[in-house]
Amino acid sequence: MQGEEGHILIPTTPPMRQRIKTPRILFLDRDGTLNQTFERRPPNSPDEVELLPSVGAKLCQYAASGWRLVIVTNQGGVAFGYHSRAGAQCVHQAVLDALPVEIDASYLCPHHPRGTISHYAIDCPNRKPAPGAILDALARFEARPSNCLFVGDMETDLLAAQAAGVPFAWASDFFDWTPPLPEHIQPKVVSSQ
């Protein structure tokens, strides 16, 4: 629409208004949830990054509905020297580049309490199952845990979500994967005891 002053006014679409005003967060684990893993190991180089089925379409739906998208990933291989922090960040960037939506925030924890690289061998509050990264994002985006959802494929994801008070969904259910899929991304049964 042309304005009287000669500028073009582009109306904000309802999904854009929702995204601006709605403090809902879709928390996402990365390896085994967004991208393929290899015998339970994450990709070690950008050329190994491959999104899992229906990930892109489902994330586009949530982003269009006003949800913020936040990745929370443990990358303890850095603490054991399997790859450098820069290498882990390079792979993470390849995952971000492969996604068809913008991610609002990423939390990549390179720590592991039993790591062999002393600098990273700490008990970090951001390493799942600890909820530090989730709590930080909730505060940053002023979101209530009950208005959010965490999607993951491991028990550590479930425990981190529970510790933060955020509802949880298994990645296989959320993305509606049907067998046969590799064993490491099949749904896990969690005992209620």
N, C-alpha and C. Protein backbone atom coordinates (compact mmCIF):
# COMPACT_ATOMS: atom_id res chain seq x y z
N MET A 1 0.85 -1.17 0.00
CA MET A 1 0.00 0.00 0.00
C MET A 1 0.90 1.23 0.00
N GLN A 2 0.63 2.18 -0.84
CA GLN A 2 1.43 3.39 -0.97
C GLN A 2 0.93 4.44 0.01
N GLY A 3 1.81 4.99 0.83
CA GLY A 3 1.45 6.04 1.78
C GLY A 3 1.52 7.40 1.12
N GLU A 4 0.90 8.39 1.75
CA GLU A 4 0.89 9.74 1.18
C GLU A 4 2.28 10.35 1.12
N GLU A 5 3.17 9.92 2.02
CA GLU A 5 4.52 10.47 2.05
C GLU A 5 5.45 9.77 1.06
N GLY A 6 4.92 8.80 0.28
CA GLY A 6 5.75 8.13 -0.70
C GLY A 6 6.39 6.85 -0.19
N HIS A 7 6.16 6.48 1.06
CA HIS A 7 6.73 5.23 1.54
C HIS A 7 5.73 4.10 1.34
N ILE A 8 6.22 2.87 1.39
CA ILE A 8 5.37 1.70 1.22
C ILE A 8 5.11 1.11 2.59
N LEU A 9 3.84 0.96 2.93
CA LEU A 9 3.45 0.37 4.20
C LEU A 9 3.18 -1.11 3.97
N ILE A 10 3.90 -1.95 4.69
CA ILE A 10 3.70 -3.39 4.59
C ILE A 10 2.99 -3.83 5.86
N PRO A 11 1.72 -4.25 5.75
CA PRO A 11 0.97 -4.64 6.94
C PRO A 11 1.62 -5.84 7.63
N THR A 12 1.57 -5.85 8.94
CA THR A 12 2.07 -6.98 9.70
C THR A 12 1.02 -8.08 9.65
N THR A 13 1.46 -9.28 9.33
CA THR A 13 0.53 -10.41 9.25
C THR A 13 0.22 -10.90 10.66
N PRO A 14 -0.93 -11.55 10.85
CA PRO A 14 -1.25 -12.07 12.19
C PRO A 14 -0.15 -12.94 12.79
N PRO A 15 0.46 -13.89 12.03
CA PRO A 15 1.54 -14.67 12.64
C PRO A 15 2.70 -13.81 13.12
N MET A 16 3.03 -12.73 12.40
CA MET A 16 4.11 -11.86 12.83
C MET A 16 3.76 -11.18 14.15
N ARG A 17 2.49 -10.72 14.26
CA ARG A 17 2.07 -10.09 15.52
C ARG A 17 2.14 -11.09 16.66
N GLN A 18 1.70 -12.32 16.41
CA GLN A 18 1.75 -13.35 17.44
C GLN A 18 3.18 -13.61 17.87
N ARG A 19 4.08 -13.69 16.89
CA ARG A 19 5.49 -13.99 17.20
C ARG A 19 6.08 -12.88 18.05
N ILE A 20 5.67 -11.65 17.79
CA ILE A 20 6.19 -10.53 18.57
C ILE A 20 5.61 -10.53 19.97
N LYS A 21 4.32 -10.84 20.11
CA LYS A 21 3.63 -10.68 21.38
C LYS A 21 3.50 -11.95 22.21
N THR A 22 3.70 -13.12 21.62
CA THR A 22 3.45 -14.36 22.32
C THR A 22 4.74 -14.96 22.86
N PRO A 23 4.89 -15.02 24.17
CA PRO A 23 6.12 -15.59 24.75
C PRO A 23 6.03 -17.12 24.89
N ARG A 24 5.86 -17.80 23.77
CA ARG A 24 5.86 -19.26 23.77
C ARG A 24 7.17 -19.74 23.15
N ILE A 25 7.75 -20.74 23.77
CA ILE A 25 9.03 -21.25 23.28
C ILE A 25 8.91 -22.73 22.97
N LEU A 26 9.36 -23.12 21.79
CA LEU A 26 9.52 -24.52 21.44
C LEU A 26 11.00 -24.83 21.64
N PHE A 27 11.31 -25.52 22.74
CA PHE A 27 12.67 -25.94 23.03
C PHE A 27 12.96 -27.20 22.24
N LEU A 28 14.15 -27.28 21.67
CA LEU A 28 14.51 -28.40 20.83
C LEU A 28 15.88 -28.94 21.18
N ASP A 29 15.96 -30.23 21.45
CA ASP A 29 17.24 -30.89 21.49
C ASP A 29 17.76 -30.88 20.04
N ARG A 30 19.02 -31.19 19.84
CA ARG A 30 19.54 -31.13 18.47
C ARG A 30 19.75 -32.53 17.89
N ASP A 31 20.77 -33.24 18.35
CA ASP A 31 21.16 -34.52 17.76
C ASP A 31 20.14 -35.61 18.08
N GLY A 32 19.60 -36.24 17.05
CA GLY A 32 18.58 -37.26 17.23
C GLY A 32 17.18 -36.68 17.28
N THR A 33 17.08 -35.35 17.34
CA THR A 33 15.78 -34.67 17.33
C THR A 33 15.64 -33.86 16.05
N LEU A 34 16.63 -33.03 15.75
CA LEU A 34 16.60 -32.24 14.52
C LEU A 34 17.40 -32.89 13.41
N ASN A 35 18.53 -33.45 13.76
CA ASN A 35 19.43 -34.02 12.76
C ASN A 35 19.79 -35.46 13.09
N GLN A 36 20.20 -36.17 12.06
CA GLN A 36 20.61 -37.56 12.15
C GLN A 36 21.85 -37.71 13.03
N THR A 37 21.92 -38.82 13.75
CA THR A 37 23.14 -39.18 14.48
C THR A 37 23.70 -40.45 13.87
N PHE A 38 24.91 -40.79 14.25
CA PHE A 38 25.61 -41.93 13.69
C PHE A 38 26.02 -42.86 14.83
N GLU A 39 25.26 -43.94 15.00
CA GLU A 39 25.53 -44.86 16.12
C GLU A 39 25.60 -44.09 17.43
N ARG A 40 24.64 -43.18 17.62
CA ARG A 40 24.48 -42.36 18.82
C ARG A 40 25.53 -41.26 18.96
N ARG A 41 26.36 -41.06 17.96
CA ARG A 41 27.31 -39.94 18.01
C ARG A 41 26.78 -38.82 17.13
N PRO A 42 27.02 -37.57 17.54
CA PRO A 42 26.58 -36.44 16.72
C PRO A 42 27.44 -36.32 15.47
N PRO A 43 26.99 -35.54 14.51
CA PRO A 43 27.85 -35.30 13.35
C PRO A 43 29.14 -34.61 13.80
N ASN A 44 30.25 -35.03 13.20
CA ASN A 44 31.56 -34.45 13.56
C ASN A 44 32.03 -33.40 12.57
N SER A 45 31.32 -33.26 11.46
CA SER A 45 31.70 -32.24 10.47
C SER A 45 30.42 -31.74 9.80
N PRO A 46 30.47 -30.54 9.26
CA PRO A 46 29.28 -29.97 8.62
C PRO A 46 28.70 -30.85 7.51
N ASP A 47 29.56 -31.58 6.78
CA ASP A 47 29.04 -32.41 5.68
C ASP A 47 28.29 -33.63 6.18
N GLU A 48 28.33 -33.94 7.46
CA GLU A 48 27.55 -35.04 8.03
C GLU A 48 26.15 -34.60 8.49
N VAL A 49 25.86 -33.32 8.46
CA VAL A 49 24.58 -32.82 8.95
C VAL A 49 23.47 -33.16 7.96
N GLU A 50 22.45 -33.86 8.49
CA GLU A 50 21.27 -34.21 7.69
C GLU A 50 20.05 -34.11 8.61
N LEU A 51 19.09 -33.27 8.21
CA LEU A 51 17.88 -33.13 9.01
C LEU A 51 17.05 -34.41 8.96
N LEU A 52 16.36 -34.68 10.05
CA LEU A 52 15.47 -35.82 10.12
C LEU A 52 14.14 -35.49 9.44
N PRO A 53 13.35 -36.51 9.09
CA PRO A 53 12.10 -36.29 8.35
C PRO A 53 11.14 -35.35 9.07
N SER A 54 10.49 -34.51 8.33
CA SER A 54 9.41 -33.58 8.73
C SER A 54 9.85 -32.49 9.70
N VAL A 55 11.14 -32.42 10.03
CA VAL A 55 11.61 -31.39 10.96
C VAL A 55 11.36 -30.00 10.41
N GLY A 56 11.77 -29.75 9.18
CA GLY A 56 11.62 -28.42 8.60
C GLY A 56 10.18 -27.96 8.54
N ALA A 57 9.29 -28.83 8.07
CA ALA A 57 7.88 -28.45 7.93
C ALA A 57 7.25 -28.16 9.29
N LYS A 58 7.54 -28.99 10.28
CA LYS A 58 6.94 -28.81 11.60
C LYS A 58 7.45 -27.52 12.25
N LEU A 59 8.74 -27.23 12.12
CA LEU A 59 9.28 -26.00 12.71
C LEU A 59 8.72 -24.77 12.01
N CYS A 60 8.50 -24.86 10.70
CA CYS A 60 7.88 -23.74 9.98
C CYS A 60 6.48 -23.47 10.50
N GLN A 61 5.72 -24.52 10.80
CA GLN A 61 4.36 -24.36 11.34
C GLN A 61 4.40 -23.63 12.68
N TYR A 62 5.31 -24.05 13.57
CA TYR A 62 5.38 -23.44 14.89
C TYR A 62 5.87 -21.99 14.81
N ALA A 63 6.86 -21.75 13.97
CA ALA A 63 7.36 -20.37 13.82
C ALA A 63 6.26 -19.47 13.28
N ALA A 64 5.49 -19.96 12.31
CA ALA A 64 4.41 -19.16 11.72
C ALA A 64 3.30 -18.90 12.73
N SER A 65 3.18 -19.76 13.74
CA SER A 65 2.16 -19.59 14.77
C SER A 65 2.64 -18.73 15.94
N GLY A 66 3.83 -18.18 15.83
CA GLY A 66 4.31 -17.26 16.85
C GLY A 66 5.21 -17.84 17.90
N TRP A 67 5.60 -19.11 17.78
CA TRP A 67 6.49 -19.72 18.76
C TRP A 67 7.92 -19.30 18.50
N ARG A 68 8.65 -19.04 19.56
CA ARG A 68 10.10 -18.86 19.46
C ARG A 68 10.73 -20.25 19.44
N LEU A 69 11.82 -20.40 18.70
CA LEU A 69 12.50 -21.69 18.58
C LEU A 69 13.87 -21.58 19.24
N VAL A 70 14.11 -22.47 20.20
CA VAL A 70 15.35 -22.44 20.98
C VAL A 70 15.95 -23.84 21.01
N ILE A 71 17.19 -23.96 20.60
CA ILE A 71 17.90 -25.24 20.65
C ILE A 71 18.71 -25.32 21.94
N VAL A 72 18.62 -26.47 22.61
CA VAL A 72 19.39 -26.74 23.82
C VAL A 72 20.11 -28.07 23.58
N THR A 73 21.42 -28.02 23.41
CA THR A 73 22.17 -29.23 23.07
C THR A 73 23.40 -29.43 23.94
N ASN A 74 23.61 -30.67 24.38
CA ASN A 74 24.84 -31.07 25.05
C ASN A 74 25.84 -31.49 23.98
N GLN A 75 27.04 -30.97 24.07
CA GLN A 75 28.11 -31.36 23.16
C GLN A 75 29.35 -31.73 23.98
N GLY A 76 29.15 -32.75 24.84
CA GLY A 76 30.20 -33.19 25.76
C GLY A 76 31.43 -33.74 25.08
N GLY A 77 31.35 -34.04 23.78
CA GLY A 77 32.52 -34.51 23.06
C GLY A 77 33.67 -33.52 23.12
N VAL A 78 33.35 -32.24 23.28
CA VAL A 78 34.39 -31.22 23.44
C VAL A 78 35.17 -31.47 24.71
N ALA A 79 34.47 -31.82 25.78
CA ALA A 79 35.13 -32.07 27.08
C ALA A 79 36.03 -33.29 27.04
N PHE A 80 35.78 -34.21 26.10
CA PHE A 80 36.61 -35.42 25.97
C PHE A 80 37.64 -35.29 24.85
N GLY A 81 37.68 -34.15 24.17
CA GLY A 81 38.67 -33.94 23.12
C GLY A 81 38.33 -34.60 21.80
N TYR A 82 37.09 -35.07 21.62
CA TYR A 82 36.72 -35.69 20.35
C TYR A 82 36.68 -34.64 19.24
N HIS A 83 36.35 -33.41 19.61
CA HIS A 83 36.43 -32.30 18.67
C HIS A 83 36.58 -31.01 19.47
N SER A 84 37.01 -29.97 18.79
CA SER A 84 37.25 -28.69 19.45
C SER A 84 35.94 -27.95 19.64
N ARG A 85 35.98 -26.93 20.47
CA ARG A 85 34.79 -26.09 20.64
C ARG A 85 34.44 -25.41 19.32
N ALA A 86 35.46 -24.93 18.61
CA ALA A 86 35.22 -24.30 17.31
C ALA A 86 34.61 -25.30 16.33
N GLY A 87 35.08 -26.54 16.36
CA GLY A 87 34.52 -27.58 15.49
C GLY A 87 33.07 -27.86 15.83
N ALA A 88 32.75 -27.92 17.12
CA ALA A 88 31.37 -28.14 17.55
C ALA A 88 30.48 -26.98 17.11
N GLN A 89 30.99 -25.77 17.20
CA GLN A 89 30.22 -24.61 16.77
C GLN A 89 30.02 -24.60 15.25
N CYS A 90 31.00 -25.07 14.53
CA CYS A 90 30.91 -25.14 13.07
C CYS A 90 29.82 -26.14 12.66
N VAL A 91 29.77 -27.30 13.32
CA VAL A 91 28.72 -28.27 13.04
C VAL A 91 27.36 -27.70 13.41
N HIS A 92 27.30 -27.00 14.55
CA HIS A 92 26.04 -26.41 14.98
C HIS A 92 25.55 -25.38 13.95
N GLN A 93 26.47 -24.60 13.42
CA GLN A 93 26.09 -23.62 12.39
C GLN A 93 25.55 -24.33 11.15
N ALA A 94 26.11 -25.48 10.82
CA ALA A 94 25.61 -26.25 9.67
C ALA A 94 24.18 -26.72 9.91
N VAL A 95 23.87 -27.10 11.16
CA VAL A 95 22.49 -27.48 11.48
C VAL A 95 21.58 -26.26 11.32
N LEU A 96 22.00 -25.11 11.86
CA LEU A 96 21.20 -23.89 11.73
C LEU A 96 20.98 -23.53 10.26
N ASP A 97 22.02 -23.68 9.45
CA ASP A 97 21.92 -23.36 8.03
C ASP A 97 20.98 -24.31 7.30
N ALA A 98 20.88 -25.56 7.77
CA ALA A 98 20.03 -26.55 7.12
C ALA A 98 18.55 -26.34 7.44
N LEU A 99 18.26 -25.69 8.55
CA LEU A 99 16.87 -25.47 8.96
C LEU A 99 16.23 -24.37 8.10
N PRO A 100 14.96 -24.53 7.74
CA PRO A 100 14.30 -23.54 6.90
C PRO A 100 13.70 -22.38 7.70
N VAL A 101 13.99 -22.31 8.99
CA VAL A 101 13.45 -21.25 9.86
C VAL A 101 14.59 -20.65 10.67
N GLU A 102 14.34 -19.45 11.17
CA GLU A 102 15.31 -18.79 12.03
C GLU A 102 15.16 -19.30 13.45
N ILE A 103 16.27 -19.60 14.07
CA ILE A 103 16.29 -20.04 15.47
C ILE A 103 16.53 -18.81 16.33
N ASP A 104 15.70 -18.64 17.37
CA ASP A 104 15.79 -17.46 18.21
C ASP A 104 16.98 -17.48 19.16
N ALA A 105 17.38 -18.67 19.61
CA ALA A 105 18.53 -18.80 20.51
C ALA A 105 19.02 -20.23 20.48
N SER A 106 20.32 -20.40 20.70
CA SER A 106 20.92 -21.74 20.80
C SER A 106 21.79 -21.78 22.04
N TYR A 107 21.67 -22.87 22.77
CA TYR A 107 22.50 -23.12 23.94
C TYR A 107 23.27 -24.40 23.68
N LEU A 108 24.58 -24.27 23.51
CA LEU A 108 25.46 -25.40 23.24
C LEU A 108 26.39 -25.56 24.43
N CYS A 109 26.22 -26.66 25.18
CA CYS A 109 27.06 -26.88 26.36
C CYS A 109 28.19 -27.84 26.02
N PRO A 110 29.45 -27.38 26.08
CA PRO A 110 30.59 -28.24 25.76
C PRO A 110 31.13 -29.01 26.97
N HIS A 111 30.49 -28.88 28.12
CA HIS A 111 31.01 -29.45 29.36
C HIS A 111 30.53 -30.87 29.61
N HIS A 112 31.34 -31.59 30.39
CA HIS A 112 30.96 -32.91 30.90
C HIS A 112 31.76 -33.12 32.18
N PRO A 113 31.11 -33.48 33.29
CA PRO A 113 31.83 -33.58 34.57
C PRO A 113 32.96 -34.61 34.56
N ARG A 114 32.90 -35.60 33.67
CA ARG A 114 33.97 -36.61 33.61
C ARG A 114 34.88 -36.40 32.40
N GLY A 115 34.83 -35.23 31.81
CA GLY A 115 35.65 -34.94 30.63
C GLY A 115 37.14 -35.04 30.92
N THR A 116 37.92 -35.20 29.86
CA THR A 116 39.37 -35.32 29.98
C THR A 116 40.09 -34.00 29.72
N ILE A 117 39.39 -33.01 29.22
CA ILE A 117 39.96 -31.67 29.02
C ILE A 117 39.54 -30.85 30.24
N SER A 118 40.48 -30.53 31.11
CA SER A 118 40.15 -29.95 32.42
C SER A 118 39.29 -28.70 32.34
N HIS A 119 39.51 -27.87 31.35
CA HIS A 119 38.74 -26.63 31.22
C HIS A 119 37.24 -26.90 31.05
N TYR A 120 36.90 -28.02 30.42
CA TYR A 120 35.50 -28.36 30.16
C TYR A 120 34.96 -29.43 31.09
N ALA A 121 35.81 -29.97 31.96
CA ALA A 121 35.40 -31.05 32.86
C ALA A 121 34.77 -30.48 34.12
N ILE A 122 33.60 -29.88 33.97
CA ILE A 122 32.90 -29.30 35.11
C ILE A 122 31.44 -29.75 35.11
N ASP A 123 30.82 -29.62 36.25
CA ASP A 123 29.40 -29.92 36.39
C ASP A 123 28.65 -28.63 36.07
N CYS A 124 28.28 -28.46 34.81
CA CYS A 124 27.71 -27.21 34.32
C CYS A 124 26.19 -27.19 34.52
N PRO A 125 25.64 -26.07 35.00
CA PRO A 125 24.19 -25.97 35.19
C PRO A 125 23.42 -25.90 33.87
N ASN A 126 24.13 -25.76 32.75
CA ASN A 126 23.47 -25.73 31.44
C ASN A 126 23.50 -27.07 30.73
N ARG A 127 24.18 -28.05 31.33
CA ARG A 127 24.23 -29.38 30.71
C ARG A 127 23.01 -30.19 31.14
N LYS A 128 22.21 -30.59 30.18
CA LYS A 128 21.04 -31.41 30.49
C LYS A 128 21.51 -32.71 31.15
N PRO A 129 20.88 -33.17 32.20
CA PRO A 129 19.52 -32.88 32.63
C PRO A 129 19.34 -31.64 33.51
N ALA A 130 20.40 -30.89 33.75
CA ALA A 130 20.24 -29.63 34.50
C ALA A 130 19.45 -28.65 33.62
N PRO A 131 18.62 -27.81 34.23
CA PRO A 131 17.73 -26.95 33.45
C PRO A 131 18.25 -25.54 33.19
N GLY A 132 19.54 -25.26 33.44
CA GLY A 132 20.04 -23.88 33.36
C GLY A 132 19.76 -23.17 32.06
N ALA A 133 19.99 -23.83 30.93
CA ALA A 133 19.77 -23.19 29.62
C ALA A 133 18.29 -22.90 29.41
N ILE A 134 17.44 -23.82 29.82
CA ILE A 134 16.00 -23.63 29.66
C ILE A 134 15.54 -22.45 30.51
N LEU A 135 16.01 -22.41 31.75
CA LEU A 135 15.62 -21.32 32.65
C LEU A 135 16.10 -19.97 32.13
N ASP A 136 17.31 -19.95 31.55
CA ASP A 136 17.82 -18.71 30.98
C ASP A 136 16.94 -18.23 29.83
N ALA A 137 16.55 -19.13 28.94
CA ALA A 137 15.69 -18.75 27.81
C ALA A 137 14.31 -18.30 28.28
N LEU A 138 13.77 -18.98 29.29
CA LEU A 138 12.47 -18.57 29.83
C LEU A 138 12.53 -17.13 30.33
N ALA A 139 13.61 -16.80 31.06
CA ALA A 139 13.77 -15.44 31.58
C ALA A 139 14.02 -14.44 30.45
N ARG A 140 14.88 -14.81 29.51
CA ARG A 140 15.23 -13.92 28.39
C ARG A 140 14.01 -13.53 27.57
N PHE A 141 13.13 -14.50 27.31
CA PHE A 141 11.97 -14.25 26.46
C PHE A 141 10.69 -14.04 27.27
N GLU A 142 10.84 -13.93 28.59
CA GLU A 142 9.71 -13.68 29.49
C GLU A 142 8.57 -14.65 29.23
N ALA A 143 8.91 -15.93 29.22
CA ALA A 143 7.93 -16.98 28.93
C ALA A 143 7.62 -17.78 30.19
N ARG A 144 6.39 -18.23 30.28
CA ARG A 144 5.98 -19.12 31.37
C ARG A 144 6.26 -20.55 30.92
N PRO A 145 6.82 -21.38 31.81
CA PRO A 145 7.10 -22.76 31.43
C PRO A 145 5.88 -23.49 30.88
N SER A 146 4.71 -23.26 31.45
CA SER A 146 3.50 -23.97 31.01
C SER A 146 3.06 -23.59 29.60
N ASN A 147 3.56 -22.47 29.07
CA ASN A 147 3.23 -22.04 27.71
C ASN A 147 4.23 -22.54 26.68
N CYS A 148 5.18 -23.35 27.12
CA CYS A 148 6.27 -23.80 26.27
C CYS A 148 6.20 -25.31 26.07
N LEU A 149 7.09 -25.83 25.26
CA LEU A 149 7.20 -27.26 25.01
C LEU A 149 8.65 -27.60 24.73
N PHE A 150 9.13 -28.70 25.29
CA PHE A 150 10.47 -29.20 25.00
C PHE A 150 10.33 -30.49 24.20
N VAL A 151 11.03 -30.57 23.08
CA VAL A 151 11.02 -31.76 22.24
C VAL A 151 12.41 -32.37 22.24
N GLY A 152 12.51 -33.63 22.61
CA GLY A 152 13.80 -34.30 22.66
C GLY A 152 13.69 -35.79 22.45
N ASP A 153 14.86 -36.45 22.43
CA ASP A 153 14.89 -37.89 22.19
C ASP A 153 15.57 -38.68 23.29
N MET A 154 16.05 -38.00 24.32
CA MET A 154 16.78 -38.69 25.39
C MET A 154 16.16 -38.40 26.75
N GLU A 155 16.43 -39.27 27.69
CA GLU A 155 15.89 -39.07 29.03
C GLU A 155 16.44 -37.79 29.66
N THR A 156 17.66 -37.41 29.32
CA THR A 156 18.21 -36.15 29.85
C THR A 156 17.39 -34.96 29.39
N ASP A 157 16.82 -35.03 28.19
CA ASP A 157 15.95 -33.96 27.70
C ASP A 157 14.68 -33.89 28.54
N LEU A 158 14.09 -35.06 28.78
CA LEU A 158 12.88 -35.13 29.60
C LEU A 158 13.14 -34.58 31.00
N LEU A 159 14.25 -35.00 31.61
CA LEU A 159 14.55 -34.56 32.98
C LEU A 159 14.81 -33.06 33.06
N ALA A 160 15.48 -32.50 32.05
CA ALA A 160 15.73 -31.06 32.03
C ALA A 160 14.42 -30.30 31.91
N ALA A 161 13.54 -30.77 31.03
CA ALA A 161 12.23 -30.13 30.87
C ALA A 161 11.44 -30.19 32.17
N GLN A 162 11.42 -31.36 32.80
CA GLN A 162 10.69 -31.51 34.06
C GLN A 162 11.25 -30.59 35.13
N ALA A 163 12.57 -30.49 35.21
CA ALA A 163 13.21 -29.63 36.23
C ALA A 163 12.85 -28.17 36.03
N ALA A 164 12.61 -27.77 34.77
CA ALA A 164 12.24 -26.39 34.48
C ALA A 164 10.72 -26.18 34.48
N GLY A 165 9.96 -27.26 34.63
CA GLY A 165 8.51 -27.15 34.63
C GLY A 165 7.90 -26.99 33.25
N VAL A 166 8.63 -27.41 32.21
CA VAL A 166 8.19 -27.27 30.83
C VAL A 166 7.62 -28.60 30.34
N PRO A 167 6.44 -28.61 29.73
CA PRO A 167 5.90 -29.84 29.16
C PRO A 167 6.88 -30.44 28.14
N PHE A 168 6.82 -31.76 27.96
CA PHE A 168 7.78 -32.48 27.13
C PHE A 168 7.06 -33.36 26.13
N ALA A 169 7.67 -33.49 24.93
CA ALA A 169 7.20 -34.43 23.92
C ALA A 169 8.41 -35.15 23.33
N TRP A 170 8.24 -36.46 23.10
CA TRP A 170 9.29 -37.21 22.43
C TRP A 170 9.34 -36.78 20.97
N ALA A 171 10.55 -36.65 20.45
CA ALA A 171 10.74 -36.21 19.06
C ALA A 171 10.01 -37.11 18.08
N SER A 172 10.04 -38.41 18.30
CA SER A 172 9.38 -39.33 17.37
C SER A 172 7.88 -39.09 17.30
N ASP A 173 7.27 -38.72 18.41
CA ASP A 173 5.84 -38.41 18.43
C ASP A 173 5.57 -37.03 17.83
N PHE A 174 6.36 -36.05 18.24
CA PHE A 174 6.16 -34.67 17.80
C PHE A 174 6.29 -34.54 16.28
N PHE A 175 7.32 -35.18 15.72
CA PHE A 175 7.56 -35.08 14.28
C PHE A 175 6.84 -36.20 13.51
N ASP A 176 6.12 -37.05 14.22
CA ASP A 176 5.32 -38.12 13.63
C ASP A 176 6.15 -39.02 12.74
N TRP A 177 7.27 -39.49 13.30
CA TRP A 177 8.09 -40.44 12.57
C TRP A 177 7.45 -41.81 12.69
N THR A 178 7.40 -42.52 11.62
CA THR A 178 6.88 -43.87 11.65
C THR A 178 8.01 -44.85 11.40
N PRO A 179 7.99 -46.00 12.08
CA PRO A 179 9.05 -46.99 11.86
C PRO A 179 9.10 -47.37 10.37
N PRO A 180 10.21 -47.82 9.82
CA PRO A 180 11.42 -48.05 10.58
C PRO A 180 12.33 -46.82 10.60
N LEU A 181 12.78 -46.48 11.77
CA LEU A 181 13.81 -45.46 11.98
C LEU A 181 14.95 -46.11 12.74
N PRO A 182 16.12 -45.52 12.69
CA PRO A 182 17.23 -46.07 13.48
C PRO A 182 16.83 -46.19 14.95
N GLU A 183 17.36 -47.20 15.60
CA GLU A 183 17.00 -47.50 16.99
C GLU A 183 17.16 -46.30 17.93
N HIS A 184 18.19 -45.48 17.71
CA HIS A 184 18.46 -44.38 18.65
C HIS A 184 17.43 -43.27 18.61
N ILE A 185 16.51 -43.26 17.63
CA ILE A 185 15.47 -42.24 17.64
C ILE A 185 14.08 -42.84 17.79
N GLN A 186 14.01 -44.11 18.22
CA GLN A 186 12.72 -44.72 18.54
C GLN A 186 12.26 -44.17 19.88
N PRO A 187 10.93 -44.10 20.11
CA PRO A 187 10.44 -43.58 21.39
C PRO A 187 10.89 -44.45 22.55
N LYS A 188 11.19 -43.80 23.63
CA LYS A 188 11.58 -44.49 24.86
C LYS A 188 10.41 -44.47 25.82
N VAL A 189 10.24 -45.53 26.56
CA VAL A 189 9.19 -45.58 27.56
C VAL A 189 9.79 -45.16 28.89
N VAL A 190 9.21 -44.15 29.50
CA VAL A 190 9.72 -43.66 30.77
C VAL A 190 8.76 -44.11 31.87
N SER A 191 9.32 -44.80 32.83
CA SER A 191 8.50 -45.28 33.94
C SER A 191 8.01 -44.11 34.79
N SER A 192 6.78 -44.20 35.27
CA SER A 192 6.23 -43.14 36.11
C SER A 192 6.62 -43.33 37.57
N GLN A 193 7.38 -44.36 37.87
CA GLN A 193 7.76 -44.60 39.28
C GLN A 193 8.93 -43.77 39.69
